[in-house]
Amino acid sequence: MFLPQFFTFYFSIFYDKIKIMKNKKGILISGAGFLMLGSAFLIKAALENGRQIKKYELAQAELRQFFGRFGEIAVLYVNELTSDKETVRGGVVMTDGTIYHFRYKDGGIRFREEKQ
């Protein structure tokens, strides 16, 4: 009689340890999964930000060349609040005080002069 009780007691301890190990393993795997998912989102956001910065730099180079024909440029700015993925919006202030607002999309520039 003592022997079956011993085996059931030993088996229950062993089973509890296996159960605890499975729980720890599940927690570690899910934690690693969340960490990898978060890292993927951060990498994606960094790449998109880098692409947007390159797009702004390309647009600024083309805009400086375009508006340089009207005179010397004092300030060229990009309005990031109104710009989106396809369109870059901003303005140019010339040294003579003339102000232009522009919209740059796919190499095309639409602009208007601000009335003072």
PDB file of N, CA and C in Angstrom:
ATOM      1  N   MET A   1       0.807  -1.196   0.000  1.00  0.00           N
ATOM      2  CA  MET A   1       0.000   0.000   0.000  1.00  0.00           C
ATOM      3  C   MET A   1       0.854   1.267   0.000  1.00  0.00           C
ATOM      4  N   PHE A   2       1.978   1.146   0.621  1.00  0.00           N
ATOM      5  CA  PHE A   2       2.829   2.328   0.674  1.00  0.00           C
ATOM      6  C   PHE A   2       3.390   2.674  -0.719  1.00  0.00           C
ATOM      7  N   LEU A   3       3.698   1.670  -1.483  1.00  0.00           N
ATOM      8  CA  LEU A   3       4.313   1.885  -2.783  1.00  0.00           C
ATOM      9  C   LEU A   3       3.417   2.663  -3.760  1.00  0.00           C
ATOM     10  N   PRO A   4       2.142   2.366  -3.952  1.00  0.00           N
ATOM     11  CA  PRO A   4       1.322   3.157  -4.879  1.00  0.00           C
ATOM     12  C   PRO A   4       1.165   4.609  -4.428  1.00  0.00           C
ATOM     13  N   GLN A   5       1.081   4.829  -3.120  1.00  0.00           N
ATOM     14  CA  GLN A   5       0.959   6.197  -2.638  1.00  0.00           C
ATOM     15  C   GLN A   5       2.237   6.991  -2.930  1.00  0.00           C
ATOM     16  N   PHE A   6       3.384   6.333  -2.797  1.00  0.00           N
ATOM     17  CA  PHE A   6       4.648   6.989  -3.060  1.00  0.00           C
ATOM     18  C   PHE A   6       4.744   7.407  -4.534  1.00  0.00           C
ATOM     19  N   PHE A   7       4.355   6.485  -5.434  1.00  0.00           N
ATOM     20  CA  PHE A   7       4.425   6.803  -6.856  1.00  0.00           C
ATOM     21  C   PHE A   7       3.468   7.931  -7.255  1.00  0.00           C
ATOM     22  N   THR A   8       2.280   7.948  -6.686  1.00  0.00           N
ATOM     23  CA  THR A   8       1.339   9.020  -7.019  1.00  0.00           C
ATOM     24  C   THR A   8       1.842  10.358  -6.472  1.00  0.00           C
ATOM     25  N   PHE A   9       2.437  10.333  -5.292  1.00  0.00           N
ATOM     26  CA  PHE A   9       2.994  11.553  -4.735  1.00  0.00           C
ATOM     27  C   PHE A   9       4.164  12.051  -5.586  1.00  0.00           C
ATOM     28  N   TYR A  10       5.076  11.129  -5.940  1.00  0.00           N
ATOM     29  CA  TYR A  10       6.226  11.484  -6.757  1.00  0.00           C
ATOM     30  C   TYR A  10       5.776  11.972  -8.141  1.00  0.00           C
ATOM     31  N   PHE A  11       4.819  11.289  -8.747  1.00  0.00           N
ATOM     32  CA  PHE A  11       4.322  11.681 -10.058  1.00  0.00           C
ATOM     33  C   PHE A  11       3.657  13.063 -10.007  1.00  0.00           C
ATOM     34  N   SER A  12       2.920  13.355  -8.925  1.00  0.00           N
ATOM     35  CA  SER A  12       2.260  14.656  -8.836  1.00  0.00           C
ATOM     36  C   SER A  12       3.288  15.784  -8.717  1.00  0.00           C
ATOM     37  N   ILE A  13       4.381  15.556  -7.981  1.00  0.00           N
ATOM     38  CA  ILE A  13       5.437  16.568  -7.876  1.00  0.00           C
ATOM     39  C   ILE A  13       6.100  16.769  -9.236  1.00  0.00           C
ATOM     40  N   PHE A  14       6.421  15.655  -9.904  1.00  0.00           N
ATOM     41  CA  PHE A  14       7.051  15.713 -11.213  1.00  0.00           C
ATOM     42  C   PHE A  14       6.132  16.398 -12.228  1.00  0.00           C
ATOM     43  N   TYR A  15       4.862  16.076 -12.201  1.00  0.00           N
ATOM     44  CA  TYR A  15       3.886  16.671 -13.111  1.00  0.00           C
ATOM     45  C   TYR A  15       3.755  18.179 -12.856  1.00  0.00           C
ATOM     46  N   ASP A  16       3.732  18.584 -11.597  1.00  0.00           N
ATOM     47  CA  ASP A  16       3.655  20.009 -11.259  1.00  0.00           C
ATOM     48  C   ASP A  16       4.885  20.762 -11.785  1.00  0.00           C
ATOM     49  N   LYS A  17       6.064  20.143 -11.682  1.00  0.00           N
ATOM     50  CA  LYS A  17       7.273  20.787 -12.198  1.00  0.00           C
ATOM     51  C   LYS A  17       7.193  20.940 -13.716  1.00  0.00           C
ATOM     52  N   ILE A  18       6.701  19.927 -14.400  1.00  0.00           N
ATOM     53  CA  ILE A  18       6.552  20.010 -15.854  1.00  0.00           C
ATOM     54  C   ILE A  18       5.569  21.118 -16.219  1.00  0.00           C
ATOM     55  N   LYS A  19       4.482  21.191 -15.457  1.00  0.00           N
ATOM     56  CA  LYS A  19       3.474  22.212 -15.717  1.00  0.00           C
ATOM     57  C   LYS A  19       4.054  23.618 -15.526  1.00  0.00           C
ATOM     58  N   ILE A  20       4.839  23.795 -14.468  1.00  0.00           N
ATOM     59  CA  ILE A  20       5.467  25.094 -14.207  1.00  0.00           C
ATOM     60  C   ILE A  20       6.466  25.424 -15.308  1.00  0.00           C
ATOM     61  N   MET A  21       7.240  24.434 -15.745  1.00  0.00           N
ATOM     62  CA  MET A  21       8.211  24.664 -16.810  1.00  0.00           C
ATOM     63  C   MET A  21       7.514  25.054 -18.116  1.00  0.00           C
ATOM     64  N   LYS A  22       6.393  24.410 -18.415  1.00  0.00           N
ATOM     65  CA  LYS A  22       5.651  24.754 -19.625  1.00  0.00           C
ATOM     66  C   LYS A  22       5.132  26.181 -19.535  1.00  0.00           C
ATOM     67  N   ASN A  23       4.668  26.594 -18.364  1.00  0.00           N
ATOM     68  CA  ASN A  23       4.182  27.958 -18.187  1.00  0.00           C
ATOM     69  C   ASN A  23       5.320  28.966 -18.379  1.00  0.00           C
ATOM     70  N   LYS A  24       6.490  28.672 -17.814  1.00  0.00           N
ATOM     71  CA  LYS A  24       7.638  29.571 -17.975  1.00  0.00           C
ATOM     72  C   LYS A  24       8.050  29.649 -19.438  1.00  0.00           C
ATOM     73  N   LYS A  25       8.051  28.486 -20.097  1.00  0.00           N
ATOM     74  CA  LYS A  25       8.426  28.446 -21.505  1.00  0.00           C
ATOM     75  C   LYS A  25       7.432  29.255 -22.337  1.00  0.00           C
ATOM     76  N   GLY A  26       6.164  29.133 -22.049  1.00  0.00           N
ATOM     77  CA  GLY A  26       5.146  29.901 -22.778  1.00  0.00           C
ATOM     78  C   GLY A  26       5.295  31.391 -22.558  1.00  0.00           C
ATOM     79  N   ILE A  27       5.595  31.779 -21.332  1.00  0.00           N
ATOM     80  CA  ILE A  27       5.791  33.199 -21.023  1.00  0.00           C
ATOM     81  C   ILE A  27       7.016  33.736 -21.757  1.00  0.00           C
ATOM     82  N   LEU A  28       8.104  32.971 -21.750  1.00  0.00           N
ATOM     83  CA  LEU A  28       9.318  33.408 -22.445  1.00  0.00           C
ATOM     84  C   LEU A  28       9.097  33.524 -23.954  1.00  0.00           C
ATOM     85  N   ILE A  29       8.412  32.545 -24.526  1.00  0.00           N
ATOM     86  CA  ILE A  29       8.171  32.575 -25.967  1.00  0.00           C
ATOM     87  C   ILE A  29       7.263  33.741 -26.337  1.00  0.00           C
ATOM     88  N   SER A  30       6.202  33.960 -25.565  1.00  0.00           N
ATOM     89  CA  SER A  30       5.305  35.073 -25.885  1.00  0.00           C
ATOM     90  C   SER A  30       6.010  36.418 -25.663  1.00  0.00           C
ATOM     91  N   GLY A  31       6.839  36.515 -24.638  1.00  0.00           N
ATOM     92  CA  GLY A  31       7.601  37.751 -24.414  1.00  0.00           C
ATOM     93  C   GLY A  31       8.567  38.023 -25.557  1.00  0.00           C
ATOM     94  N   ALA A  32       9.237  36.978 -26.024  1.00  0.00           N
ATOM     95  CA  ALA A  32      10.156  37.142 -27.153  1.00  0.00           C
ATOM     96  C   ALA A  32       9.388  37.525 -28.415  1.00  0.00           C
ATOM     97  N   GLY A  33       8.208  36.950 -28.580  1.00  0.00           N
ATOM     98  CA  GLY A  33       7.379  37.292 -29.741  1.00  0.00           C
ATOM     99  C   GLY A  33       6.964  38.749 -29.730  1.00  0.00           C
ATOM    100  N   PHE A  34       6.534  39.237 -28.567  1.00  0.00           N
ATOM    101  CA  PHE A  34       6.161  40.648 -28.462  1.00  0.00           C
ATOM    102  C   PHE A  34       7.363  41.562 -28.693  1.00  0.00           C
ATOM    103  N   LEU A  35       8.511  41.160 -28.201  1.00  0.00           N
ATOM    104  CA  LEU A  35       9.724  41.946 -28.407  1.00  0.00           C
ATOM    105  C   LEU A  35      10.084  42.024 -29.893  1.00  0.00           C
ATOM    106  N   MET A  36       9.984  40.907 -30.592  1.00  0.00           N
ATOM    107  CA  MET A  36      10.282  40.891 -32.027  1.00  0.00           C
ATOM    108  C   MET A  36       9.259  41.715 -32.806  1.00  0.00           C
ATOM    109  N   LEU A  37       8.005  41.629 -32.418  1.00  0.00           N
ATOM    110  CA  LEU A  37       6.964  42.398 -33.096  1.00  0.00           C
ATOM    111  C   LEU A  37       7.186  43.898 -32.895  1.00  0.00           C
ATOM    112  N   GLY A  38       7.511  44.294 -31.677  1.00  0.00           N
ATOM    113  CA  GLY A  38       7.802  45.699 -31.399  1.00  0.00           C
ATOM    114  C   GLY A  38       9.016  46.189 -32.165  1.00  0.00           C
ATOM    115  N   SER A  39      10.046  45.347 -32.249  1.00  0.00           N
ATOM    116  CA  SER A  39      11.245  45.712 -33.003  1.00  0.00           C
ATOM    117  C   SER A  39      10.928  45.889 -34.484  1.00  0.00           C
ATOM    118  N   ALA A  40      10.077  45.021 -35.017  1.00  0.00           N
ATOM    119  CA  ALA A  40       9.701  45.126 -36.432  1.00  0.00           C
ATOM    120  C   ALA A  40       8.978  46.449 -36.699  1.00  0.00           C
ATOM    121  N   PHE A  41       8.071  46.833 -35.801  1.00  0.00           N
ATOM    122  CA  PHE A  41       7.367  48.107 -35.970  1.00  0.00           C
ATOM    123  C   PHE A  41       8.331  49.292 -35.895  1.00  0.00           C
ATOM    124  N   LEU A  42       9.290  49.242 -34.985  1.00  0.00           N
ATOM    125  CA  LEU A  42      10.264  50.331 -34.876  1.00  0.00           C
ATOM    126  C   LEU A  42      11.146  50.427 -36.118  1.00  0.00           C
ATOM    127  N   ILE A  43      11.559  49.288 -36.645  1.00  0.00           N
ATOM    128  CA  ILE A  43      12.383  49.294 -37.850  1.00  0.00           C
ATOM    129  C   ILE A  43      11.589  49.845 -39.026  1.00  0.00           C
ATOM    130  N   LYS A  44      10.335  49.440 -39.137  1.00  0.00           N
ATOM    131  CA  LYS A  44       9.486  49.931 -40.225  1.00  0.00           C
ATOM    132  C   LYS A  44       9.317  51.449 -40.121  1.00  0.00           C
ATOM    133  N   ALA A  45       9.073  51.946 -38.919  1.00  0.00           N
ATOM    134  CA  ALA A  45       8.893  53.389 -38.725  1.00  0.00           C
ATOM    135  C   ALA A  45      10.181  54.143 -39.062  1.00  0.00           C
ATOM    136  N   ALA A  46      11.320  53.603 -38.686  1.00  0.00           N
ATOM    137  CA  ALA A  46      12.594  54.250 -38.988  1.00  0.00           C
ATOM    138  C   ALA A  46      12.853  54.286 -40.497  1.00  0.00           C
ATOM    139  N   LEU A  47      12.531  53.194 -41.196  1.00  0.00           N
ATOM    140  CA  LEU A  47      12.717  53.168 -42.646  1.00  0.00           C
ATOM    141  C   LEU A  47      11.790  54.158 -43.347  1.00  0.00           C
ATOM    142  N   GLU A  48      10.542  54.230 -42.907  1.00  0.00           N
ATOM    143  CA  GLU A  48       9.608  55.189 -43.501  1.00  0.00           C
ATOM    144  C   GLU A  48      10.070  56.625 -43.252  1.00  0.00           C
ATOM    145  N   ASN A  49      10.561  56.894 -42.055  1.00  0.00           N
ATOM    146  CA  ASN A  49      11.062  58.225 -41.737  1.00  0.00           C
ATOM    147  C   ASN A  49      12.266  58.570 -42.618  1.00  0.00           C
ATOM    148  N   GLY A  50      13.149  57.604 -42.828  1.00  0.00           N
ATOM    149  CA  GLY A  50      14.304  57.822 -43.693  1.00  0.00           C
ATOM    150  C   GLY A  50      13.892  58.099 -45.130  1.00  0.00           C
ATOM    151  N   ARG A  51      12.899  57.366 -45.619  1.00  0.00           N
ATOM    152  CA  ARG A  51      12.402  57.610 -46.980  1.00  0.00           C
ATOM    153  C   ARG A  51      11.796  59.005 -47.102  1.00  0.00           C
ATOM    154  N   GLN A  52      11.047  59.411 -46.072  1.00  0.00           N
ATOM    155  CA  GLN A  52      10.423  60.733 -46.105  1.00  0.00           C
ATOM    156  C   GLN A  52      11.476  61.834 -46.095  1.00  0.00           C
ATOM    157  N   ILE A  53      12.522  61.661 -45.308  1.00  0.00           N
ATOM    158  CA  ILE A  53      13.599  62.652 -45.260  1.00  0.00           C
ATOM    159  C   ILE A  53      14.300  62.743 -46.611  1.00  0.00           C
ATOM    160  N   LYS A  54      14.563  61.600 -47.257  1.00  0.00           N
ATOM    161  CA  LYS A  54      15.184  61.624 -48.576  1.00  0.00           C
ATOM    162  C   LYS A  54      14.289  62.316 -49.593  1.00  0.00           C
ATOM    163  N   LYS A  55      12.985  62.085 -49.486  1.00  0.00           N
ATOM    164  CA  LYS A  55      12.045  62.731 -50.400  1.00  0.00           C
ATOM    165  C   LYS A  55      12.075  64.249 -50.200  1.00  0.00           C
ATOM    166  N   TYR A  56      12.105  64.705 -48.937  1.00  0.00           N
ATOM    167  CA  TYR A  56      12.179  66.144 -48.656  1.00  0.00           C
ATOM    168  C   TYR A  56      13.474  66.734 -49.203  1.00  0.00           C
ATOM    169  N   GLU A  57      14.589  66.014 -49.050  1.00  0.00           N
ATOM    170  CA  GLU A  57      15.869  66.515 -49.547  1.00  0.00           C
ATOM    171  C   GLU A  57      15.858  66.637 -51.069  1.00  0.00           C
ATOM    172  N   LEU A  58      15.302  65.641 -51.754  1.00  0.00           N
ATOM    173  CA  LEU A  58      15.193  65.706 -53.209  1.00  0.00           C
ATOM    174  C   LEU A  58      14.301  66.868 -53.633  1.00  0.00           C
ATOM    175  N   ALA A  59      13.184  67.021 -52.947  1.00  0.00           N
ATOM    176  CA  ALA A  59      12.265  68.119 -53.265  1.00  0.00           C
ATOM    177  C   ALA A  59      12.934  69.464 -53.027  1.00  0.00           C
ATOM    178  N   GLN A  60      13.668  69.607 -51.937  1.00  0.00           N
ATOM    179  CA  GLN A  60      14.333  70.873 -51.648  1.00  0.00           C
ATOM    180  C   GLN A  60      15.370  71.219 -52.710  1.00  0.00           C
ATOM    181  N   ALA A  61      16.101  70.218 -53.194  1.00  0.00           N
ATOM    182  CA  ALA A  61      17.094  70.478 -54.238  1.00  0.00           C
ATOM    183  C   ALA A  61      16.411  70.968 -55.517  1.00  0.00           C
ATOM    184  N   GLU A  62      15.330  70.303 -55.899  1.00  0.00           N
ATOM    185  CA  GLU A  62      14.615  70.714 -57.106  1.00  0.00           C
ATOM    186  C   GLU A  62      13.946  72.079 -56.918  1.00  0.00           C
ATOM    187  N   LEU A  63      13.420  72.338 -55.730  1.00  0.00           N
ATOM    188  CA  LEU A  63      12.772  73.624 -55.470  1.00  0.00           C
ATOM    189  C   LEU A  63      13.783  74.769 -55.461  1.00  0.00           C
ATOM    190  N   ARG A  64      14.952  74.535 -54.893  1.00  0.00           N
ATOM    191  CA  ARG A  64      15.989  75.574 -54.908  1.00  0.00           C
ATOM    192  C   ARG A  64      16.406  75.904 -56.340  1.00  0.00           C
ATOM    193  N   GLN A  65      16.522  74.870 -57.157  1.00  0.00           N
ATOM    194  CA  GLN A  65      16.880  75.098 -58.554  1.00  0.00           C
ATOM    195  C   GLN A  65      15.762  75.862 -59.270  1.00  0.00           C
ATOM    196  N   PHE A  66      14.511  75.493 -59.023  1.00  0.00           N
ATOM    197  CA  PHE A  66      13.375  76.137 -59.686  1.00  0.00           C
ATOM    198  C   PHE A  66      13.232  77.599 -59.264  1.00  0.00           C
ATOM    199  N   PHE A  67      13.204  77.852 -57.952  1.00  0.00           N
ATOM    200  CA  PHE A  67      12.994  79.213 -57.462  1.00  0.00           C
ATOM    201  C   PHE A  67      14.240  80.079 -57.581  1.00  0.00           C
ATOM    202  N   GLY A  68      15.394  79.473 -57.807  1.00  0.00           N
ATOM    203  CA  GLY A  68      16.623  80.230 -58.000  1.00  0.00           C
ATOM    204  C   GLY A  68      16.562  81.105 -59.243  1.00  0.00           C
ATOM    205  N   ARG A  69      15.700  80.762 -60.189  1.00  0.00           N
ATOM    206  CA  ARG A  69      15.548  81.572 -61.400  1.00  0.00           C
ATOM    207  C   ARG A  69      14.858  82.904 -61.110  1.00  0.00           C
ATOM    208  N   PHE A  70      14.107  82.980 -60.001  1.00  0.00           N
ATOM    209  CA  PHE A  70      13.379  84.209 -59.667  1.00  0.00           C
ATOM    210  C   PHE A  70      14.215  85.184 -58.842  1.00  0.00           C
ATOM    211  N   GLY A  71      15.362  84.757 -58.391  1.00  0.00           N
ATOM    212  CA  GLY A  71      16.221  85.604 -57.571  1.00  0.00           C
ATOM    213  C   GLY A  71      16.907  84.776 -56.497  1.00  0.00           C
ATOM    214  N   GLU A  72      17.534  85.491 -55.569  1.00  0.00           N
ATOM    215  CA  GLU A  72      18.256  84.808 -54.499  1.00  0.00           C
ATOM    216  C   GLU A  72      17.287  84.365 -53.410  1.00  0.00           C
ATOM    217  N   ILE A  73      17.408  83.117 -52.970  1.00  0.00           N
ATOM    218  CA  ILE A  73      16.523  82.544 -51.953  1.00  0.00           C
ATOM    219  C   ILE A  73      17.084  82.839 -50.576  1.00  0.00           C
ATOM    220  N   ALA A  74      16.256  83.409 -49.709  1.00  0.00           N
ATOM    221  CA  ALA A  74      16.671  83.639 -48.329  1.00  0.00           C
ATOM    222  C   ALA A  74      16.333  82.409 -47.475  1.00  0.00           C
ATOM    223  N   VAL A  75      15.086  81.919 -47.601  1.00  0.00           N
ATOM    224  CA  VAL A  75      14.629  80.780 -46.794  1.00  0.00           C
ATOM    225  C   VAL A  75      13.737  79.894 -47.653  1.00  0.00           C
ATOM    226  N   LEU A  76      13.970  78.592 -47.567  1.00  0.00           N
ATOM    227  CA  LEU A  76      13.072  77.602 -48.154  1.00  0.00           C
ATOM    228  C   LEU A  76      12.641  76.691 -47.019  1.00  0.00           C
ATOM    229  N   TYR A  77      11.352  76.558 -46.814  1.00  0.00           N
ATOM    230  CA  TYR A  77      10.881  75.722 -45.708  1.00  0.00           C
ATOM    231  C   TYR A  77       9.843  74.736 -46.198  1.00  0.00           C
ATOM    232  N   VAL A  78       9.758  73.612 -45.502  1.00  0.00           N
ATOM    233  CA  VAL A  78       8.772  72.564 -45.771  1.00  0.00           C
ATOM    234  C   VAL A  78       7.825  72.509 -44.588  1.00  0.00           C
ATOM    235  N   ASN A  79       6.532  72.586 -44.877  1.00  0.00           N
ATOM    236  CA  ASN A  79       5.519  72.490 -43.836  1.00  0.00           C
ATOM    237  C   ASN A  79       5.129  71.023 -43.678  1.00  0.00           C
ATOM    238  N   GLU A  80       5.681  70.367 -42.664  1.00  0.00           N
ATOM    239  CA  GLU A  80       5.439  68.942 -42.469  1.00  0.00           C
ATOM    240  C   GLU A  80       4.023  68.643 -41.992  1.00  0.00           C
ATOM    241  N   LEU A  81       3.355  69.626 -41.399  1.00  0.00           N
ATOM    242  CA  LEU A  81       1.990  69.395 -40.916  1.00  0.00           C
ATOM    243  C   LEU A  81       0.997  69.244 -42.061  1.00  0.00           C
ATOM    244  N   THR A  82       1.207  69.976 -43.147  1.00  0.00           N
ATOM    245  CA  THR A  82       0.284  69.892 -44.275  1.00  0.00           C
ATOM    246  C   THR A  82       0.799  68.971 -45.382  1.00  0.00           C
ATOM    247  N   SER A  83       2.062  68.569 -45.317  1.00  0.00           N
ATOM    248  CA  SER A  83       2.603  67.638 -46.310  1.00  0.00           C
ATOM    249  C   SER A  83       2.139  66.223 -45.988  1.00  0.00           C
ATOM    250  N   ASP A  84       2.076  65.396 -47.028  1.00  0.00           N
ATOM    251  CA  ASP A  84       1.745  63.991 -46.820  1.00  0.00           C
ATOM    252  C   ASP A  84       2.736  63.129 -47.601  1.00  0.00           C
ATOM    253  N   LYS A  85       2.427  61.845 -47.776  1.00  0.00           N
ATOM    254  CA  LYS A  85       3.377  60.944 -48.425  1.00  0.00           C
ATOM    255  C   LYS A  85       3.637  61.298 -49.882  1.00  0.00           C
ATOM    256  N   GLU A  86       2.637  61.826 -50.571  1.00  0.00           N
ATOM    257  CA  GLU A  86       2.793  62.137 -51.990  1.00  0.00           C
ATOM    258  C   GLU A  86       3.172  63.592 -52.250  1.00  0.00           C
ATOM    259  N   THR A  87       2.731  64.512 -51.404  1.00  0.00           N
ATOM    260  CA  THR A  87       2.867  65.937 -51.673  1.00  0.00           C
ATOM    261  C   THR A  87       3.708  66.618 -50.594  1.00  0.00           C
ATOM    262  N   VAL A  88       4.635  67.465 -51.043  1.00  0.00           N
ATOM    263  CA  VAL A  88       5.439  68.279 -50.132  1.00  0.00           C
ATOM    264  C   VAL A  88       4.949  69.720 -50.277  1.00  0.00           C
ATOM    265  N   ARG A  89       4.566  70.316 -49.159  1.00  0.00           N
ATOM    266  CA  ARG A  89       4.078  71.701 -49.174  1.00  0.00           C
ATOM    267  C   ARG A  89       5.001  72.561 -48.327  1.00  0.00           C
ATOM    268  N   GLY A  90       5.115  73.832 -48.734  1.00  0.00           N
ATOM    269  CA  GLY A  90       5.964  74.748 -47.985  1.00  0.00           C
ATOM    270  C   GLY A  90       5.989  76.116 -48.632  1.00  0.00           C
ATOM    271  N   GLY A  91       7.081  76.811 -48.421  1.00  0.00           N
ATOM    272  CA  GLY A  91       7.196  78.158 -48.953  1.00  0.00           C
ATOM    273  C   GLY A  91       8.636  78.567 -49.165  1.00  0.00           C
ATOM    274  N   VAL A  92       8.788  79.659 -49.921  1.00  0.00           N
ATOM    275  CA  VAL A  92      10.100  80.221 -50.218  1.00  0.00           C
ATOM    276  C   VAL A  92      10.028  81.716 -49.969  1.00  0.00           C
ATOM    277  N   VAL A  93      11.009  82.229 -49.251  1.00  0.00           N
ATOM    278  CA  VAL A  93      11.134  83.664 -49.033  1.00  0.00           C
ATOM    279  C   VAL A  93      12.388  84.114 -49.774  1.00  0.00           C
ATOM    280  N   MET A  94      12.194  85.080 -50.661  1.00  0.00           N
ATOM    281  CA  MET A  94      13.318  85.594 -51.452  1.00  0.00           C
ATOM    282  C   MET A  94      13.978  86.751 -50.692  1.00  0.00           C
ATOM    283  N   THR A  95      15.180  87.106 -51.064  1.00  0.00           N
ATOM    284  CA  THR A  95      15.889  88.186 -50.383  1.00  0.00           C
ATOM    285  C   THR A  95      15.222  89.546 -50.609  1.00  0.00           C
ATOM    286  N   ASP A  96      14.462  89.694 -51.697  1.00  0.00           N
ATOM    287  CA  ASP A  96      13.774  90.965 -51.940  1.00  0.00           C
ATOM    288  C   ASP A  96      12.436  91.050 -51.203  1.00  0.00           C
ATOM    289  N   GLY A  97      12.095  90.007 -50.417  1.00  0.00           N
ATOM    290  CA  GLY A  97      10.872  90.023 -49.624  1.00  0.00           C
ATOM    291  C   GLY A  97       9.688  89.312 -50.257  1.00  0.00           C
ATOM    292  N   THR A  98       9.823  88.845 -51.468  1.00  0.00           N
ATOM    293  CA  THR A  98       8.750  88.120 -52.135  1.00  0.00           C
ATOM    294  C   THR A  98       8.595  86.744 -51.494  1.00  0.00           C
ATOM    295  N   ILE A  99       7.336  86.347 -51.277  1.00  0.00           N
ATOM    296  CA  ILE A  99       7.051  85.065 -50.638  1.00  0.00           C
ATOM    297  C   ILE A  99       6.238  84.212 -51.608  1.00  0.00           C
ATOM    298  N   TYR A 100       6.672  82.985 -51.792  1.00  0.00           N
ATOM    299  CA  TYR A 100       5.960  82.017 -52.628  1.00  0.00           C
ATOM    300  C   TYR A 100       5.558  80.821 -51.768  1.00  0.00           C
ATOM    301  N   HIS A 101       4.358  80.326 -52.018  1.00  0.00           N
ATOM    302  CA  HIS A 101       3.905  79.070 -51.412  1.00  0.00           C
ATOM    303  C   HIS A 101       3.889  78.031 -52.519  1.00  0.00           C
ATOM    304  N   PHE A 102       4.357  76.818 -52.208  1.00  0.00           N
ATOM    305  CA  PHE A 102       4.446  75.804 -53.253  1.00  0.00           C
ATOM    306  C   PHE A 102       3.836  74.484 -52.798  1.00  0.00           C
ATOM    307  N   ARG A 103       3.553  73.678 -53.812  1.00  0.00           N
ATOM    308  CA  ARG A 103       3.136  72.285 -53.621  1.00  0.00           C
ATOM    309  C   ARG A 103       3.935  71.468 -54.622  1.00  0.00           C
ATOM    310  N   TYR A 104       4.720  70.530 -54.129  1.00  0.00           N
ATOM    311  CA  TYR A 104       5.594  69.702 -54.952  1.00  0.00           C
ATOM    312  C   TYR A 104       5.059  68.282 -54.933  1.00  0.00           C
ATOM    313  N   LYS A 105       4.770  67.738 -56.127  1.00  0.00           N
ATOM    314  CA  LYS A 105       4.263  66.371 -56.203  1.00  0.00           C
ATOM    315  C   LYS A 105       4.804  65.714 -57.459  1.00  0.00           C
ATOM    316  N   ASP A 106       5.521  64.612 -57.287  1.00  0.00           N
ATOM    317  CA  ASP A 106       6.066  63.814 -58.393  1.00  0.00           C
ATOM    318  C   ASP A 106       6.861  64.656 -59.387  1.00  0.00           C
ATOM    319  N   GLY A 107       7.689  65.554 -58.914  1.00  0.00           N
ATOM    320  CA  GLY A 107       8.518  66.370 -59.777  1.00  0.00           C
ATOM    321  C   GLY A 107       7.833  67.607 -60.330  1.00  0.00           C
ATOM    322  N   GLY A 108       6.525  67.741 -60.108  1.00  0.00           N
ATOM    323  CA  GLY A 108       5.796  68.918 -60.564  1.00  0.00           C
ATOM    324  C   GLY A 108       5.661  69.942 -59.448  1.00  0.00           C
ATOM    325  N   ILE A 109       5.813  71.211 -59.800  1.00  0.00           N
ATOM    326  CA  ILE A 109       5.757  72.281 -58.803  1.00  0.00           C
ATOM    327  C   ILE A 109       4.609  73.219 -59.146  1.00  0.00           C
ATOM    328  N   ARG A 110       3.719  73.396 -58.210  1.00  0.00           N
ATOM    329  CA  ARG A 110       2.666  74.406 -58.329  1.00  0.00           C
ATOM    330  C   ARG A 110       2.944  75.441 -57.255  1.00  0.00           C
ATOM    331  N   PHE A 111       2.912  76.711 -57.638  1.00  0.00           N
ATOM    332  CA  PHE A 111       3.228  77.749 -56.664  1.00  0.00           C
ATOM    333  C   PHE A 111       2.352  78.967 -56.908  1.00  0.00           C
ATOM    334  N   ARG A 112       2.291  79.792 -55.869  1.00  0.00           N
ATOM    335  CA  ARG A 112       1.585  81.066 -55.971  1.00  0.00           C
ATOM    336  C   ARG A 112       2.349  82.083 -55.135  1.00  0.00           C
ATOM    337  N   GLU A 113       2.275  83.340 -55.572  1.00  0.00           N
ATOM    338  CA  GLU A 113       2.950  84.409 -54.853  1.00  0.00           C
ATOM    339  C   GLU A 113       1.997  84.957 -53.804  1.00  0.00           C
ATOM    340  N   GLU A 114       2.526  85.176 -52.597  1.00  0.00           N
ATOM    341  CA  GLU A 114       1.705  85.732 -51.523  1.00  0.00           C
ATOM    342  C   GLU A 114       1.611  87.234 -51.708  1.00  0.00           C
ATOM    343  N   LYS A 115       0.380  87.746 -51.609  1.00  0.00           N
ATOM    344  CA  LYS A 115       0.151  89.206 -51.736  1.00  0.00           C
ATOM    345  C   LYS A 115       0.489  89.885 -50.414  1.00  0.00           C
ATOM    346  N   GLN A 116       1.211  90.978 -50.487  1.00  0.00           N
ATOM    347  CA  GLN A 116       1.590  91.682 -49.250  1.00  0.00           C
ATOM    348  C   GLN A 116       0.852  92.973 -49.117  1.00  0.00           C
TER     349      GLN A 116
END
